[in-house]
C-alpha cells in the first residue's frame, strides 16, 4: 500500500474513534437545550468526514483505473 492509502485508512479509523466519543457525550446531553448545537455540529462533522473519505478513496483509486 502506498502513502495515500495509509492516509485514507488512518483518517477513517481515527474519525470512527472520534465519532464514538462524540456519540457517547451527545447521548448524555440530549435533555439539555444546549445539546442541539452539539448535535448539529456532529451532523456537520460526519458529513464532512464522509465527503473527505470519498474524495481520498476516489483519489487513490482513480490512477489505478486510468
C-alpha atoms as a PDB file:
ATOM      1  CA  UNK A   1       0.000   0.000   0.000  1.00  0.00           C
ATOM      2  CA  UNK A   2       1.226   3.449  -0.799  1.00  0.00           C
ATOM      3  CA  UNK A   3       1.204   6.506   1.432  1.00  0.00           C
ATOM      4  CA  UNK A   4      -2.134   7.839   0.186  1.00  0.00           C
ATOM      5  CA  UNK A   5      -3.933   4.608   1.024  1.00  0.00           C
ATOM      6  CA  UNK A   6      -2.456   4.626   4.543  1.00  0.00           C
ATOM      7  CA  UNK A   7      -3.610   8.223   4.983  1.00  0.00           C
ATOM      8  CA  UNK A   8      -7.132   7.330   3.825  1.00  0.00           C
ATOM      9  CA  UNK A   9      -7.384   4.277   6.092  1.00  0.00           C
ATOM     10  CA  UNK A  10      -5.900   6.153   9.055  1.00  0.00           C
ATOM     11  CA  UNK A  11      -8.266   9.074   8.529  1.00  0.00           C
ATOM     12  CA  UNK A  12     -11.286   6.760   8.502  1.00  0.00           C
ATOM     13  CA  UNK A  13     -10.202   4.834  11.623  1.00  0.00           C
ATOM     14  CA  UNK A  14      -9.389   7.985  13.604  1.00  0.00           C
ATOM     15  CA  UNK A  15     -12.709   9.560  12.634  1.00  0.00           C
ATOM     16  CA  UNK A  16     -14.656   6.484  13.757  1.00  0.00           C
ATOM     17  CA  UNK A  17     -12.949   6.685  17.168  1.00  0.00           C
ATOM     18  CA  UNK A  18     -13.759  10.396  17.460  1.00  0.00           C
ATOM     19  CA  UNK A  19     -17.344   9.737  16.368  1.00  0.00           C
ATOM     20  CA  UNK A  20     -17.753   7.088  19.087  1.00  0.00           C
ATOM     21  CA  UNK A  21     -16.628   9.537  21.796  1.00  0.00           C
ATOM     22  CA  UNK A  22     -18.877  12.301  20.448  1.00  0.00           C
ATOM     23  CA  UNK A  23     -21.864   9.942  20.325  1.00  0.00           C
ATOM     24  CA  UNK A  24     -21.331   8.942  23.941  1.00  0.00           C
ATOM     25  CA  UNK A  25     -21.181  12.590  25.039  1.00  0.00           C
ATOM     26  CA  UNK A  26     -24.233  13.635  22.998  1.00  0.00           C
ATOM     27  CA  UNK A  27     -26.411  10.873  24.441  1.00  0.00           C
ATOM     28  CA  UNK A  28     -25.857  12.228  27.946  1.00  0.00           C
ATOM     29  CA  UNK A  29     -26.664  15.835  26.884  1.00  0.00           C
ATOM     30  CA  UNK A  30     -29.921  15.295  24.984  1.00  0.00           C
ATOM     31  CA  UNK A  31     -32.256  16.663  27.715  1.00  0.00           C
ATOM     32  CA  UNK A  32     -30.322  19.970  27.744  1.00  0.00           C
ATOM     33  CA  UNK A  33     -31.172  22.716  25.264  1.00  0.00           C
ATOM     34  CA  UNK A  34     -27.500  23.388  24.515  1.00  0.00           C
ATOM     35  CA  UNK A  35     -27.255  19.843  23.179  1.00  0.00           C
ATOM     36  CA  UNK A  36     -28.954  20.912  19.954  1.00  0.00           C
ATOM     37  CA  UNK A  37     -25.858  22.827  18.853  1.00  0.00           C
ATOM     38  CA  UNK A  38     -23.704  19.815  19.688  1.00  0.00           C
ATOM     39  CA  UNK A  39     -25.938  17.538  17.623  1.00  0.00           C
ATOM     40  CA  UNK A  40     -25.850  19.941  14.671  1.00  0.00           C
ATOM     41  CA  UNK A  41     -22.038  20.058  14.794  1.00  0.00           C
ATOM     42  CA  UNK A  42     -21.965  16.266  14.953  1.00  0.00           C
ATOM     43  CA  UNK A  43     -24.088  16.036  11.801  1.00  0.00           C
ATOM     44  CA  UNK A  44     -21.920  18.607  10.006  1.00  0.00           C
ATOM     45  CA  UNK A  45     -18.721  16.874  11.100  1.00  0.00           C
ATOM     46  CA  UNK A  46     -19.971  13.481   9.979  1.00  0.00           C
ATOM     47  CA  UNK A  47     -20.993  14.864   6.595  1.00  0.00           C
ATOM     48  CA  UNK A  48     -17.604  16.498   6.064  1.00  0.00           C
ATOM     49  CA  UNK A  49     -15.881  13.285   7.175  1.00  0.00           C
ATOM     50  CA  UNK A  50     -17.711  11.210   4.574  1.00  0.00           C
ATOM     51  CA  UNK A  51     -17.047  13.737   1.808  1.00  0.00           C
ATOM     52  CA  UNK A  52     -13.319  13.779   2.583  1.00  0.00           C
ATOM     53  CA  UNK A  53     -13.234   9.976   2.849  1.00  0.00           C
ATOM     54  CA  UNK A  54     -14.915   9.548  -0.519  1.00  0.00           C
ATOM     55  CA  UNK A  55     -12.530  12.097  -2.053  1.00  0.00           C
ATOM     56  CA  UNK A  56      -9.481  10.267  -0.659  1.00  0.00           C
ATOM     57  CA  UNK A  57     -10.714   6.872  -1.853  1.00  0.00           C
ATOM     58  CA  UNK A  58     -11.517   8.174  -5.348  1.00  0.00           C
ATOM     59  CA  UNK A  59      -8.161   9.981  -5.488  1.00  0.00           C
ATOM     60  CA  UNK A  60      -6.426   6.737  -4.517  1.00  0.00           C
ATOM     61  CA  UNK A  61      -8.361   4.528  -6.957  1.00  0.00           C
ATOM     62  CA  UNK A  62      -8.524   6.845  -9.983  1.00  0.00           C
ATOM     63  CA  UNK A  63      -4.890   6.397 -11.141  1.00  0.00           C
ATOM     64  CA  UNK A  64      -5.256   2.620 -10.925  1.00  0.00           C
ATOM     65  CA  UNK A  65      -8.135   2.593 -13.430  1.00  0.00           C
ATOM     66  CA  UNK A  66      -6.699   5.070 -15.949  1.00  0.00           C
END
